Amino acid sequence: MITTAGELLENDLGWAADDKGAREALANWLQKPFMPQIRNIVNPGLVMFGSSPRFNMYGNEFGLGKAVAVLSGHDNKFDGMGTLYPGHQGGGSIDVDLCLNPHSMRALETDEEFLEVLNFVN
């Protein structure tokens, strides 16, 4: 269906889509189950960042002491994927979890302009 934003706003949710596509996708999945991974469907040159400021990553205490770092784990990691978190130090700081292949990391480590930008912190 091709439509306009105005038509979407004028009609209810069922006007633009129904459950047919979801039911077909479920039936196909039941025949051949799989777990999609972002790394298998993204453009190799893509740089993507994600995060959620709604969850206080450092504010939780599970009896092990305050967290000193936040890492997002293995899922959905691919070259160029980054996750940003409000920084451990507070005061507007940002913690970055960045996944790069070795070639991309070496390129950043030898990029003088990039390194100058990072050196604003003492």
PDB file of N, CA and C in Angstrom:
ATOM      1  N   MET A   1       0.838  -1.169   0.000  1.00  0.00           N
ATOM      2  CA  MET A   1       0.000   0.000   0.000  1.00  0.00           C
ATOM      3  C   MET A   1       0.888   1.239   0.000  1.00  0.00           C
ATOM      4  N   ILE A   2       0.538   2.193  -0.801  1.00  0.00           N
ATOM      5  CA  ILE A   2       1.202   3.498  -0.794  1.00  0.00           C
ATOM      6  C   ILE A   2       0.184   4.503  -0.294  1.00  0.00           C
ATOM      7  N   THR A   3       0.589   5.303   0.675  1.00  0.00           N
ATOM      8  CA  THR A   3      -0.335   6.248   1.281  1.00  0.00           C
ATOM      9  C   THR A   3       0.419   7.490   1.729  1.00  0.00           C
ATOM     10  N   THR A   4      -0.286   8.386   2.345  1.00  0.00           N
ATOM     11  CA  THR A   4       0.324   9.608   2.872  1.00  0.00           C
ATOM     12  C   THR A   4       0.186   9.622   4.386  1.00  0.00           C
ATOM     13  N   ALA A   5       0.953  10.479   5.024  1.00  0.00           N
ATOM     14  CA  ALA A   5       0.845  10.620   6.476  1.00  0.00           C
ATOM     15  C   ALA A   5      -0.561  11.069   6.852  1.00  0.00           C
ATOM     16  N   GLY A   6      -1.138  11.946   6.060  1.00  0.00           N
ATOM     17  CA  GLY A   6      -2.485  12.432   6.336  1.00  0.00           C
ATOM     18  C   GLY A   6      -3.514  11.315   6.331  1.00  0.00           C
ATOM     19  N   GLU A   7      -3.425  10.420   5.336  1.00  0.00           N
ATOM     20  CA  GLU A   7      -4.357   9.295   5.278  1.00  0.00           C
ATOM     21  C   GLU A   7      -4.180   8.367   6.478  1.00  0.00           C
ATOM     22  N   LEU A   8      -2.944   8.155   6.885  1.00  0.00           N
ATOM     23  CA  LEU A   8      -2.706   7.316   8.059  1.00  0.00           C
ATOM     24  C   LEU A   8      -3.328   7.924   9.304  1.00  0.00           C
ATOM     25  N   LEU A   9      -3.206   9.240   9.443  1.00  0.00           N
ATOM     26  CA  LEU A   9      -3.759   9.911  10.619  1.00  0.00           C
ATOM     27  C   LEU A   9      -5.281   9.942  10.600  1.00  0.00           C
ATOM     28  N   GLU A  10      -5.881   9.964   9.417  1.00  0.00           N
ATOM     29  CA  GLU A  10      -7.334  10.035   9.294  1.00  0.00           C
ATOM     30  C   GLU A  10      -8.026   8.700   9.554  1.00  0.00           C
ATOM     31  N   ASN A  11      -7.286   7.605   9.476  1.00  0.00           N
ATOM     32  CA  ASN A  11      -7.879   6.273   9.591  1.00  0.00           C
ATOM     33  C   ASN A  11      -7.353   5.550  10.826  1.00  0.00           C
ATOM     34  N   ASP A  12      -8.040   4.452  11.186  1.00  0.00           N
ATOM     35  CA  ASP A  12      -7.577   3.696  12.349  1.00  0.00           C
ATOM     36  C   ASP A  12      -6.407   2.782  11.967  1.00  0.00           C
ATOM     37  N   LEU A  13      -5.821   2.113  12.965  1.00  0.00           N
ATOM     38  CA  LEU A  13      -4.633   1.291  12.735  1.00  0.00           C
ATOM     39  C   LEU A  13      -4.874   0.158  11.741  1.00  0.00           C
ATOM     40  N   GLY A  14      -6.037  -0.451  11.768  1.00  0.00           N
ATOM     41  CA  GLY A  14      -6.332  -1.564  10.879  1.00  0.00           C
ATOM     42  C   GLY A  14      -6.468  -1.171   9.424  1.00  0.00           C
ATOM     43  N   TRP A  15      -6.637   0.114   9.135  1.00  0.00           N
ATOM     44  CA  TRP A  15      -6.787   0.574   7.760  1.00  0.00           C
ATOM     45  C   TRP A  15      -5.512   0.338   6.957  1.00  0.00           C
ATOM     46  N   ALA A  16      -4.359   0.575   7.545  1.00  0.00           N
ATOM     47  CA  ALA A  16      -3.090   0.473   6.824  1.00  0.00           C
ATOM     48  C   ALA A  16      -2.503  -0.935   6.868  1.00  0.00           C
ATOM     49  N   ALA A  17      -2.848  -1.696   7.861  1.00  0.00           N
ATOM     50  CA  ALA A  17      -2.274  -3.036   7.989  1.00  0.00           C
ATOM     51  C   ALA A  17      -3.200  -3.911   8.813  1.00  0.00           C
ATOM     52  N   ASP A  18      -3.134  -5.192   8.526  1.00  0.00           N
ATOM     53  CA  ASP A  18      -3.875  -6.145   9.347  1.00  0.00           C
ATOM     54  C   ASP A  18      -2.892  -7.205   9.844  1.00  0.00           C
ATOM     55  N   ASP A  19      -3.407  -8.279  10.389  1.00  0.00           N
ATOM     56  CA  ASP A  19      -2.512  -9.289  10.943  1.00  0.00           C
ATOM     57  C   ASP A  19      -2.077 -10.345   9.929  1.00  0.00           C
ATOM     58  N   LYS A  20      -2.431 -10.169   8.657  1.00  0.00           N
ATOM     59  CA  LYS A  20      -2.093 -11.164   7.634  1.00  0.00           C
ATOM     60  C   LYS A  20      -0.579 -11.390   7.552  1.00  0.00           C
ATOM     61  N   GLY A  21       0.192 -10.319   7.478  1.00  0.00           N
ATOM     62  CA  GLY A  21       1.648 -10.443   7.375  1.00  0.00           C
ATOM     63  C   GLY A  21       2.250 -11.104   8.597  1.00  0.00           C
ATOM     64  N   ALA A  22       1.759 -10.737   9.777  1.00  0.00           N
ATOM     65  CA  ALA A  22       2.275 -11.326  11.015  1.00  0.00           C
ATOM     66  C   ALA A  22       1.939 -12.812  11.084  1.00  0.00           C
ATOM     67  N   ARG A  23       0.718 -13.172  10.666  1.00  0.00           N
ATOM     68  CA  ARG A  23       0.327 -14.585  10.680  1.00  0.00           C
ATOM     69  C   ARG A  23       1.162 -15.398   9.686  1.00  0.00           C
ATOM     70  N   GLU A  24       1.423 -14.825   8.498  1.00  0.00           N
ATOM     71  CA  GLU A  24       2.257 -15.516   7.509  1.00  0.00           C
ATOM     72  C   GLU A  24       3.684 -15.691   8.027  1.00  0.00           C
ATOM     73  N   ALA A  25       4.232 -14.644   8.648  1.00  0.00           N
ATOM     74  CA  ALA A  25       5.589 -14.727   9.189  1.00  0.00           C
ATOM     75  C   ALA A  25       5.664 -15.794  10.284  1.00  0.00           C
ATOM     76  N   LEU A  26       4.653 -15.868  11.138  1.00  0.00           N
ATOM     77  CA  LEU A  26       4.626 -16.875  12.198  1.00  0.00           C
ATOM     78  C   LEU A  26       4.541 -18.278  11.610  1.00  0.00           C
ATOM     79  N   ALA A  27       3.678 -18.464  10.605  1.00  0.00           N
ATOM     80  CA  ALA A  27       3.549 -19.782   9.972  1.00  0.00           C
ATOM     81  C   ALA A  27       4.871 -20.195   9.330  1.00  0.00           C
ATOM     82  N   ASN A  28       5.537 -19.267   8.650  1.00  0.00           N
ATOM     83  CA  ASN A  28       6.841 -19.562   8.047  1.00  0.00           C
ATOM     84  C   ASN A  28       7.869 -19.906   9.118  1.00  0.00           C
ATOM     85  N   TRP A  29       7.853 -19.161  10.229  1.00  0.00           N
ATOM     86  CA  TRP A  29       8.817 -19.412  11.303  1.00  0.00           C
ATOM     87  C   TRP A  29       8.589 -20.789  11.922  1.00  0.00           C
ATOM     88  N   LEU A  30       7.319 -21.185  12.070  1.00  0.00           N
ATOM     89  CA  LEU A  30       7.026 -22.498  12.641  1.00  0.00           C
ATOM     90  C   LEU A  30       7.546 -23.619  11.742  1.00  0.00           C
ATOM     91  N   GLN A  31       7.548 -23.388  10.428  1.00  0.00           N
ATOM     92  CA  GLN A  31       8.084 -24.374   9.490  1.00  0.00           C
ATOM     93  C   GLN A  31       9.607 -24.413   9.510  1.00  0.00           C
ATOM     94  N   LYS A  32      10.221 -23.245   9.702  1.00  0.00           N
ATOM     95  CA  LYS A  32      11.689 -23.151   9.690  1.00  0.00           C
ATOM     96  C   LYS A  32      12.116 -22.109  10.728  1.00  0.00           C
ATOM     97  N   PRO A  33      12.168 -22.497  12.008  1.00  0.00           N
ATOM     98  CA  PRO A  33      12.518 -21.541  13.073  1.00  0.00           C
ATOM     99  C   PRO A  33      13.948 -21.010  12.923  1.00  0.00           C
ATOM    100  N   PHE A  34      14.130 -19.759  13.253  1.00  0.00           N
ATOM    101  CA  PHE A  34      15.456 -19.141  13.247  1.00  0.00           C
ATOM    102  C   PHE A  34      15.433 -17.947  14.177  1.00  0.00           C
ATOM    103  N   MET A  35      16.613 -17.548  14.614  1.00  0.00           N
ATOM    104  CA  MET A  35      16.762 -16.350  15.434  1.00  0.00           C
ATOM    105  C   MET A  35      17.531 -15.330  14.608  1.00  0.00           C
ATOM    106  N   PRO A  36      16.867 -14.277  14.145  1.00  0.00           N
ATOM    107  CA  PRO A  36      17.579 -13.287  13.329  1.00  0.00           C
ATOM    108  C   PRO A  36      18.626 -12.544  14.150  1.00  0.00           C
ATOM    109  N   GLN A  37      19.741 -12.237  13.520  1.00  0.00           N
ATOM    110  CA  GLN A  37      20.787 -11.454  14.156  1.00  0.00           C
ATOM    111  C   GLN A  37      21.084 -10.259  13.263  1.00  0.00           C
ATOM    112  N   ILE A  38      21.198  -9.091  13.873  1.00  0.00           N
ATOM    113  CA  ILE A  38      21.427  -7.870  13.111  1.00  0.00           C
ATOM    114  C   ILE A  38      22.654  -7.995  12.232  1.00  0.00           C
ATOM    115  N   ARG A  39      23.710  -8.628  12.721  1.00  0.00           N
ATOM    116  CA  ARG A  39      24.965  -8.715  11.969  1.00  0.00           C
ATOM    117  C   ARG A  39      24.768  -9.368  10.607  1.00  0.00           C
ATOM    118  N   ASN A  40      23.710 -10.192  10.448  1.00  0.00           N
ATOM    119  CA  ASN A  40      23.486 -10.891   9.191  1.00  0.00           C
ATOM    120  C   ASN A  40      22.658 -10.091   8.199  1.00  0.00           C
ATOM    121  N   ILE A  41      22.112  -8.964   8.611  1.00  0.00           N
ATOM    122  CA  ILE A  41      21.236  -8.216   7.710  1.00  0.00           C
ATOM    123  C   ILE A  41      21.663  -6.773   7.492  1.00  0.00           C
ATOM    124  N   VAL A  42      22.754  -6.328   8.096  1.00  0.00           N
ATOM    125  CA  VAL A  42      23.158  -4.935   7.952  1.00  0.00           C
ATOM    126  C   VAL A  42      24.202  -4.771   6.863  1.00  0.00           C
ATOM    127  N   ASN A  43      24.260  -3.587   6.312  1.00  0.00           N
ATOM    128  CA  ASN A  43      25.250  -3.211   5.317  1.00  0.00           C
ATOM    129  C   ASN A  43      26.627  -3.216   5.961  1.00  0.00           C
ATOM    130  N   PRO A  44      27.634  -3.823   5.321  1.00  0.00           N
ATOM    131  CA  PRO A  44      28.971  -3.886   5.933  1.00  0.00           C
ATOM    132  C   PRO A  44      29.577  -2.517   6.256  1.00  0.00           C
ATOM    133  N   GLY A  45      29.167  -1.456   5.580  1.00  0.00           N
ATOM    134  CA  GLY A  45      29.705  -0.128   5.851  1.00  0.00           C
ATOM    135  C   GLY A  45      28.901   0.661   6.867  1.00  0.00           C
ATOM    136  N   LEU A  46      27.909   0.041   7.460  1.00  0.00           N
ATOM    137  CA  LEU A  46      27.003   0.729   8.375  1.00  0.00           C
ATOM    138  C   LEU A  46      27.653   0.992   9.728  1.00  0.00           C
ATOM    139  N   VAL A  47      27.389   2.161  10.271  1.00  0.00           N
ATOM    140  CA  VAL A  47      27.754   2.475  11.649  1.00  0.00           C
ATOM    141  C   VAL A  47      26.439   2.722  12.376  1.00  0.00           C
ATOM    142  N   MET A  48      26.214   2.022  13.463  1.00  0.00           N
ATOM    143  CA  MET A  48      24.939   2.113  14.170  1.00  0.00           C
ATOM    144  C   MET A  48      25.197   2.307  15.663  1.00  0.00           C
ATOM    145  N   PHE A  49      24.446   3.207  16.284  1.00  0.00           N
ATOM    146  CA  PHE A  49      24.535   3.411  17.727  1.00  0.00           C
ATOM    147  C   PHE A  49      23.162   3.225  18.340  1.00  0.00           C
ATOM    148  N   GLY A  50      23.129   2.681  19.535  1.00  0.00           N
ATOM    149  CA  GLY A  50      21.889   2.487  20.253  1.00  0.00           C
ATOM    150  C   GLY A  50      22.091   2.736  21.733  1.00  0.00           C
ATOM    151  N   SER A  51      20.979   2.893  22.442  1.00  0.00           N
ATOM    152  CA  SER A  51      21.022   3.066  23.883  1.00  0.00           C
ATOM    153  C   SER A  51      19.606   3.275  24.392  1.00  0.00           C
ATOM    154  N   SER A  52      19.467   3.343  25.681  1.00  0.00           N
ATOM    155  CA  SER A  52      18.200   3.699  26.295  1.00  0.00           C
ATOM    156  C   SER A  52      18.480   4.491  27.558  1.00  0.00           C
ATOM    157  N   PRO A  53      18.234   5.793  27.538  1.00  0.00           N
ATOM    158  CA  PRO A  53      18.474   6.607  28.728  1.00  0.00           C
ATOM    159  C   PRO A  53      17.435   6.366  29.819  1.00  0.00           C
ATOM    160  N   ARG A  54      16.436   5.541  29.541  1.00  0.00           N
ATOM    161  CA  ARG A  54      15.378   5.298  30.520  1.00  0.00           C
ATOM    162  C   ARG A  54      15.780   4.301  31.593  1.00  0.00           C
ATOM    163  N   PHE A  55      16.916   3.645  31.414  1.00  0.00           N
ATOM    164  CA  PHE A  55      17.341   2.623  32.361  1.00  0.00           C
ATOM    165  C   PHE A  55      18.659   3.054  32.981  1.00  0.00           C
ATOM    166  N   ASN A  56      18.664   3.234  34.288  1.00  0.00           N
ATOM    167  CA  ASN A  56      19.854   3.686  34.996  1.00  0.00           C
ATOM    168  C   ASN A  56      20.812   2.506  35.161  1.00  0.00           C
ATOM    169  N   MET A  57      21.758   2.389  34.244  1.00  0.00           N
ATOM    170  CA  MET A  57      22.662   1.237  34.214  1.00  0.00           C
ATOM    171  C   MET A  57      23.535   1.137  35.464  1.00  0.00           C
ATOM    172  N   TYR A  58      23.906   2.259  36.051  1.00  0.00           N
ATOM    173  CA  TYR A  58      24.797   2.232  37.209  1.00  0.00           C
ATOM    174  C   TYR A  58      24.051   2.324  38.532  1.00  0.00           C
ATOM    175  N   GLY A  59      22.748   2.519  38.501  1.00  0.00           N
ATOM    176  CA  GLY A  59      21.989   2.708  39.727  1.00  0.00           C
ATOM    177  C   GLY A  59      21.547   1.422  40.398  1.00  0.00           C
ATOM    178  N   ASN A  60      21.666   0.300  39.712  1.00  0.00           N
ATOM    179  CA  ASN A  60      21.243  -0.975  40.293  1.00  0.00           C
ATOM    180  C   ASN A  60      22.325  -1.544  41.201  1.00  0.00           C
ATOM    181  N   GLU A  61      21.894  -2.154  42.263  1.00  0.00           N
ATOM    182  CA  GLU A  61      22.829  -2.781  43.209  1.00  0.00           C
ATOM    183  C   GLU A  61      22.275  -4.162  43.528  1.00  0.00           C
ATOM    184  N   PHE A  62      23.009  -5.188  43.123  1.00  0.00           N
ATOM    185  CA  PHE A  62      22.566  -6.567  43.313  1.00  0.00           C
ATOM    186  C   PHE A  62      23.374  -7.284  44.385  1.00  0.00           C
ATOM    187  N   GLY A  63      23.990  -6.521  45.289  1.00  0.00           N
ATOM    188  CA  GLY A  63      24.749  -7.120  46.373  1.00  0.00           C
ATOM    189  C   GLY A  63      26.213  -7.338  46.059  1.00  0.00           C
ATOM    190  N   LEU A  64      26.668  -6.894  44.911  1.00  0.00           N
ATOM    191  CA  LEU A  64      28.064  -7.072  44.519  1.00  0.00           C
ATOM    192  C   LEU A  64      28.834  -5.758  44.524  1.00  0.00           C
ATOM    193  N   GLY A  65      28.188  -4.690  44.937  1.00  0.00           N
ATOM    194  CA  GLY A  65      28.816  -3.372  44.883  1.00  0.00           C
ATOM    195  C   GLY A  65      28.396  -2.635  43.623  1.00  0.00           C
ATOM    196  N   LYS A  66      28.683  -1.354  43.594  1.00  0.00           N
ATOM    197  CA  LYS A  66      28.305  -0.522  42.454  1.00  0.00           C
ATOM    198  C   LYS A  66      29.092  -0.937  41.213  1.00  0.00           C
ATOM    199  N   ALA A  67      28.418  -0.980  40.085  1.00  0.00           N
ATOM    200  CA  ALA A  67      29.067  -1.343  38.820  1.00  0.00           C
ATOM    201  C   ALA A  67      30.154  -0.337  38.469  1.00  0.00           C
ATOM    202  N   VAL A  68      31.238  -0.822  37.912  1.00  0.00           N
ATOM    203  CA  VAL A  68      32.325   0.059  37.470  1.00  0.00           C
ATOM    204  C   VAL A  68      32.337   0.195  35.955  1.00  0.00           C
ATOM    205  N   ALA A  69      31.598  -0.660  35.261  1.00  0.00           N
ATOM    206  CA  ALA A  69      31.500  -0.584  33.802  1.00  0.00           C
ATOM    207  C   ALA A  69      30.203  -1.251  33.372  1.00  0.00           C
ATOM    208  N   VAL A  70      29.709  -0.847  32.224  1.00  0.00           N
ATOM    209  CA  VAL A  70      28.530  -1.465  31.637  1.00  0.00           C
ATOM    210  C   VAL A  70      28.932  -1.967  30.258  1.00  0.00           C
ATOM    211  N   LEU A  71      28.689  -3.236  30.018  1.00  0.00           N
ATOM    212  CA  LEU A  71      28.965  -3.832  28.716  1.00  0.00           C
ATOM    213  C   LEU A  71      27.681  -4.465  28.212  1.00  0.00           C
ATOM    214  N   SER A  72      27.432  -4.351  26.936  1.00  0.00           N
ATOM    215  CA  SER A  72      26.150  -4.813  26.409  1.00  0.00           C
ATOM    216  C   SER A  72      26.147  -6.264  25.974  1.00  0.00           C
ATOM    217  N   GLY A  73      27.264  -6.947  26.033  1.00  0.00           N
ATOM    218  CA  GLY A  73      27.278  -8.368  25.721  1.00  0.00           C
ATOM    219  C   GLY A  73      27.475  -8.675  24.248  1.00  0.00           C
ATOM    220  N   HIS A  74      27.354  -9.937  23.911  1.00  0.00           N
ATOM    221  CA  HIS A  74      27.684 -10.453  22.590  1.00  0.00           C
ATOM    222  C   HIS A  74      26.570 -10.261  21.563  1.00  0.00           C
ATOM    223  N   ASP A  75      25.321 -10.315  21.982  1.00  0.00           N
ATOM    224  CA  ASP A  75      24.210 -10.272  21.037  1.00  0.00           C
ATOM    225  C   ASP A  75      24.218  -9.011  20.191  1.00  0.00           C
ATOM    226  N   ASN A  76      23.870  -9.189  18.946  1.00  0.00           N
ATOM    227  CA  ASN A  76      23.741  -8.089  17.989  1.00  0.00           C
ATOM    228  C   ASN A  76      24.989  -7.230  17.883  1.00  0.00           C
ATOM    229  N   LYS A  77      26.141  -7.838  17.987  1.00  0.00           N
ATOM    230  CA  LYS A  77      27.403  -7.121  17.803  1.00  0.00           C
ATOM    231  C   LYS A  77      27.907  -7.364  16.392  1.00  0.00           C
ATOM    232  N   PHE A  78      28.364  -6.320  15.765  1.00  0.00           N
ATOM    233  CA  PHE A  78      28.963  -6.414  14.444  1.00  0.00           C
ATOM    234  C   PHE A  78      29.864  -5.210  14.261  1.00  0.00           C
ATOM    235  N   ASP A  79      30.722  -5.257  13.275  1.00  0.00           N
ATOM    236  CA  ASP A  79      31.647  -4.161  13.026  1.00  0.00           C
ATOM    237  C   ASP A  79      30.868  -2.873  12.800  1.00  0.00           C
ATOM    238  N   GLY A  80      31.108  -1.887  13.618  1.00  0.00           N
ATOM    239  CA  GLY A  80      30.443  -0.599  13.488  1.00  0.00           C
ATOM    240  C   GLY A  80      29.294  -0.391  14.458  1.00  0.00           C
ATOM    241  N   MET A  81      29.016  -1.351  15.340  1.00  0.00           N
ATOM    242  CA  MET A  81      27.921  -1.200  16.300  1.00  0.00           C
ATOM    243  C   MET A  81      28.442  -0.593  17.595  1.00  0.00           C
ATOM    244  N   GLY A  82      27.771   0.438  18.047  1.00  0.00           N
ATOM    245  CA  GLY A  82      28.142   1.083  19.299  1.00  0.00           C
ATOM    246  C   GLY A  82      26.931   1.263  20.190  1.00  0.00           C
ATOM    247  N   THR A  83      27.158   1.265  21.481  1.00  0.00           N
ATOM    248  CA  THR A  83      26.103   1.525  22.449  1.00  0.00           C
ATOM    249  C   THR A  83      26.601   2.614  23.389  1.00  0.00           C
ATOM    250  N   LEU A  84      25.766   3.600  23.635  1.00  0.00           N
ATOM    251  CA  LEU A  84      26.116   4.726  24.501  1.00  0.00           C
ATOM    252  C   LEU A  84      25.325   4.634  25.799  1.00  0.00           C
ATOM    253  N   TYR A  85      25.996   4.924  26.892  1.00  0.00           N
ATOM    254  CA  TYR A  85      25.358   4.914  28.206  1.00  0.00           C
ATOM    255  C   TYR A  85      25.694   6.210  28.927  1.00  0.00           C
ATOM    256  N   PRO A  86      24.780   6.702  29.795  1.00  0.00           N
ATOM    257  CA  PRO A  86      25.182   7.801  30.672  1.00  0.00           C
ATOM    258  C   PRO A  86      26.420   7.354  31.447  1.00  0.00           C
ATOM    259  N   GLY A  87      27.408   8.215  31.545  1.00  0.00           N
ATOM    260  CA  GLY A  87      28.706   7.838  32.090  1.00  0.00           C
ATOM    261  C   GLY A  87      28.725   7.496  33.565  1.00  0.00           C
ATOM    262  N   HIS A  88      29.622   6.611  33.922  1.00  0.00           N
ATOM    263  CA  HIS A  88      29.833   6.188  35.307  1.00  0.00           C
ATOM    264  C   HIS A  88      30.208   7.374  36.187  1.00  0.00           C
ATOM    265  N   GLN A  89      30.971   8.323  35.636  1.00  0.00           N
ATOM    266  CA  GLN A  89      31.430   9.479  36.410  1.00  0.00           C
ATOM    267  C   GLN A  89      30.355  10.536  36.593  1.00  0.00           C
ATOM    268  N   GLY A  90      29.226  10.411  35.869  1.00  0.00           N
ATOM    269  CA  GLY A  90      28.166  11.403  35.973  1.00  0.00           C
ATOM    270  C   GLY A  90      28.571  12.713  35.326  1.00  0.00           C
ATOM    271  N   GLY A  91      27.854  13.772  35.648  1.00  0.00           N
ATOM    272  CA  GLY A  91      28.191  15.098  35.142  1.00  0.00           C
ATOM    273  C   GLY A  91      28.122  15.231  33.634  1.00  0.00           C
ATOM    274  N   GLY A  92      27.276  14.450  32.982  1.00  0.00           N
ATOM    275  CA  GLY A  92      27.152  14.525  31.531  1.00  0.00           C
ATOM    276  C   GLY A  92      28.135  13.647  30.779  1.00  0.00           C
ATOM    277  N   SER A  93      28.916  12.833  31.502  1.00  0.00           N
ATOM    278  CA  SER A  93      29.867  11.952  30.814  1.00  0.00           C
ATOM    279  C   SER A  93      29.113  10.848  30.068  1.00  0.00           C
ATOM    280  N   ILE A  94      29.785  10.255  29.097  1.00  0.00           N
ATOM    281  CA  ILE A  94      29.197   9.192  28.287  1.00  0.00           C
ATOM    282  C   ILE A  94      30.162   8.014  28.253  1.00  0.00           C
ATOM    283  N   ASP A  95      29.654   6.817  28.487  1.00  0.00           N
ATOM    284  CA  ASP A  95      30.425   5.591  28.312  1.00  0.00           C
ATOM    285  C   ASP A  95      30.054   5.010  26.952  1.00  0.00           C
ATOM    286  N   VAL A  96      31.046   4.537  26.225  1.00  0.00           N
ATOM    287  CA  VAL A  96      30.838   4.015  24.880  1.00  0.00           C
ATOM    288  C   VAL A  96      31.269   2.556  24.830  1.00  0.00           C
ATOM    289  N   ASP A  97      30.397   1.696  24.335  1.00  0.00           N
ATOM    290  CA  ASP A  97      30.700   0.290  24.072  1.00  0.00           C
ATOM    291  C   ASP A  97      30.721   0.170  22.551  1.00  0.00           C
ATOM    292  N   LEU A  98      31.892   0.001  21.964  1.00  0.00           N
ATOM    293  CA  LEU A  98      32.044   0.046  20.512  1.00  0.00           C
ATOM    294  C   LEU A  98      32.634  -1.258  19.998  1.00  0.00           C
ATOM    295  N   CYS A  99      32.008  -1.835  18.996  1.00  0.00           N
ATOM    296  CA  CYS A  99      32.476  -3.078  18.387  1.00  0.00           C
ATOM    297  C   CYS A  99      33.085  -2.752  17.019  1.00  0.00           C
ATOM    298  N   LEU A 100      34.377  -2.994  16.885  1.00  0.00           N
ATOM    299  CA  LEU A 100      35.074  -2.760  15.618  1.00  0.00           C
ATOM    300  C   LEU A 100      35.932  -3.964  15.275  1.00  0.00           C
ATOM    301  N   ASN A 101      36.049  -4.254  13.972  1.00  0.00           N
ATOM    302  CA  ASN A 101      36.980  -5.309  13.594  1.00  0.00           C
ATOM    303  C   ASN A 101      38.398  -4.758  13.749  1.00  0.00           C
ATOM    304  N   PRO A 102      39.405  -5.616  13.804  1.00  0.00           N
ATOM    305  CA  PRO A 102      40.776  -5.150  14.048  1.00  0.00           C
ATOM    306  C   PRO A 102      41.259  -4.097  13.053  1.00  0.00           C
ATOM    307  N   HIS A 103      40.877  -4.236  11.788  1.00  0.00           N
ATOM    308  CA  HIS A 103      41.303  -3.259  10.778  1.00  0.00           C
ATOM    309  C   HIS A 103      40.738  -1.868  11.094  1.00  0.00           C
ATOM    310  N   SER A 104      39.455  -1.811  11.425  1.00  0.00           N
ATOM    311  CA  SER A 104      38.824  -0.524  11.750  1.00  0.00           C
ATOM    312  C   SER A 104      39.418   0.076  13.016  1.00  0.00           C
ATOM    313  N   MET A 105      39.703  -0.758  14.012  1.00  0.00           N
ATOM    314  CA  MET A 105      40.291  -0.266  15.260  1.00  0.00           C
ATOM    315  C   MET A 105      41.682   0.303  15.020  1.00  0.00           C
ATOM    316  N   ARG A 106      42.493  -0.393  14.214  1.00  0.00           N
ATOM    317  CA  ARG A 106      43.838   0.117  13.900  1.00  0.00           C
ATOM    318  C   ARG A 106      43.752   1.458  13.177  1.00  0.00           C
ATOM    319  N   ALA A 107      42.774   1.592  12.290  1.00  0.00           N
ATOM    320  CA  ALA A 107      42.604   2.854  11.565  1.00  0.00           C
ATOM    321  C   ALA A 107      42.299   3.994  12.535  1.00  0.00           C
ATOM    322  N   LEU A 108      41.449   3.754  13.527  1.00  0.00           N
ATOM    323  CA  LEU A 108      41.150   4.789  14.524  1.00  0.00           C
ATOM    324  C   LEU A 108      42.368   5.098  15.384  1.00  0.00           C
ATOM    325  N   GLU A 109      43.102   4.063  15.768  1.00  0.00           N
ATOM    326  CA  GLU A 109      44.267   4.253  16.639  1.00  0.00           C
ATOM    327  C   GLU A 109      45.379   5.048  15.972  1.00  0.00           C
ATOM    328  N   THR A 110      45.377   5.108  14.654  1.00  0.00           N
ATOM    329  CA  THR A 110      46.427   5.842  13.933  1.00  0.00           C
ATOM    330  C   THR A 110      45.907   7.116  13.277  1.00  0.00           C
ATOM    331  N   ASP A 111      44.651   7.463  13.526  1.00  0.00           N
ATOM    332  CA  ASP A 111      44.062   8.676  12.952  1.00  0.00           C
ATOM    333  C   ASP A 111      44.331   9.852  13.896  1.00  0.00           C
ATOM    334  N   GLU A 112      45.276  10.708  13.520  1.00  0.00           N
ATOM    335  CA  GLU A 112      45.694  11.805  14.406  1.00  0.00           C
ATOM    336  C   GLU A 112      44.554  12.758  14.734  1.00  0.00           C
ATOM    337  N   GLU A 113      43.723  13.079  13.754  1.00  0.00           N
ATOM    338  CA  GLU A 113      42.606  13.999  14.008  1.00  0.00           C
ATOM    339  C   GLU A 113      41.640  13.397  15.032  1.00  0.00           C
ATOM    340  N   PHE A 114      41.332  12.119  14.887  1.00  0.00           N
ATOM    341  CA  PHE A 114      40.455  11.436  15.838  1.00  0.00           C
ATOM    342  C   PHE A 114      41.064  11.443  17.239  1.00  0.00           C
ATOM    343  N   LEU A 115      42.349  11.134  17.334  1.00  0.00           N
ATOM    344  CA  LEU A 115      43.017  11.087  18.634  1.00  0.00           C
ATOM    345  C   LEU A 115      43.073  12.460  19.294  1.00  0.00           C
ATOM    346  N   GLU A 116      43.209  13.523  18.515  1.00  0.00           N
ATOM    347  CA  GLU A 116      43.201  14.882  19.079  1.00  0.00           C
ATOM    348  C   GLU A 116      41.862  15.184  19.738  1.00  0.00           C
ATOM    349  N   VAL A 117      40.779  14.744  19.114  1.00  0.00           N
ATOM    350  CA  VAL A 117      39.449  14.975  19.682  1.00  0.00           C
ATOM    351  C   VAL A 117      39.316  14.248  21.019  1.00  0.00           C
ATOM    352  N   LEU A 118      39.870  13.054  21.126  1.00  0.00           N
ATOM    353  CA  LEU A 118      39.788  12.297  22.380  1.00  0.00           C
ATOM    354  C   LEU A 118      40.637  12.902  23.485  1.00  0.00           C
ATOM    355  N   ASN A 119      41.651  13.641  23.140  1.00  0.00           N
ATOM    356  CA  ASN A 119      42.595  14.153  24.131  1.00  0.00           C
ATOM    357  C   ASN A 119      42.121  15.395  24.876  1.00  0.00           C
ATOM    358  N   PHE A 120      40.840  15.738  24.775  1.00  0.00           N
ATOM    359  CA  PHE A 120      40.355  16.892  25.532  1.00  0.00           C
ATOM    360  C   PHE A 120      40.227  16.558  27.012  1.00  0.00           C
ATOM    361  N   VAL A 121      40.269  15.276  27.377  1.00  0.00           N
ATOM    362  CA  VAL A 121      40.197  14.856  28.776  1.00  0.00           C
ATOM    363  C   VAL A 121      41.609  14.709  29.305  1.00  0.00           C
ATOM    364  N   ASN A 122      41.865  15.234  30.526  1.00  0.00           N
ATOM    365  CA  ASN A 122      43.207  15.122  31.122  1.00  0.00           C
ATOM    366  C   ASN A 122      43.526  13.698  31.493  1.00  0.00           C
TER     367      ASN A 122
END
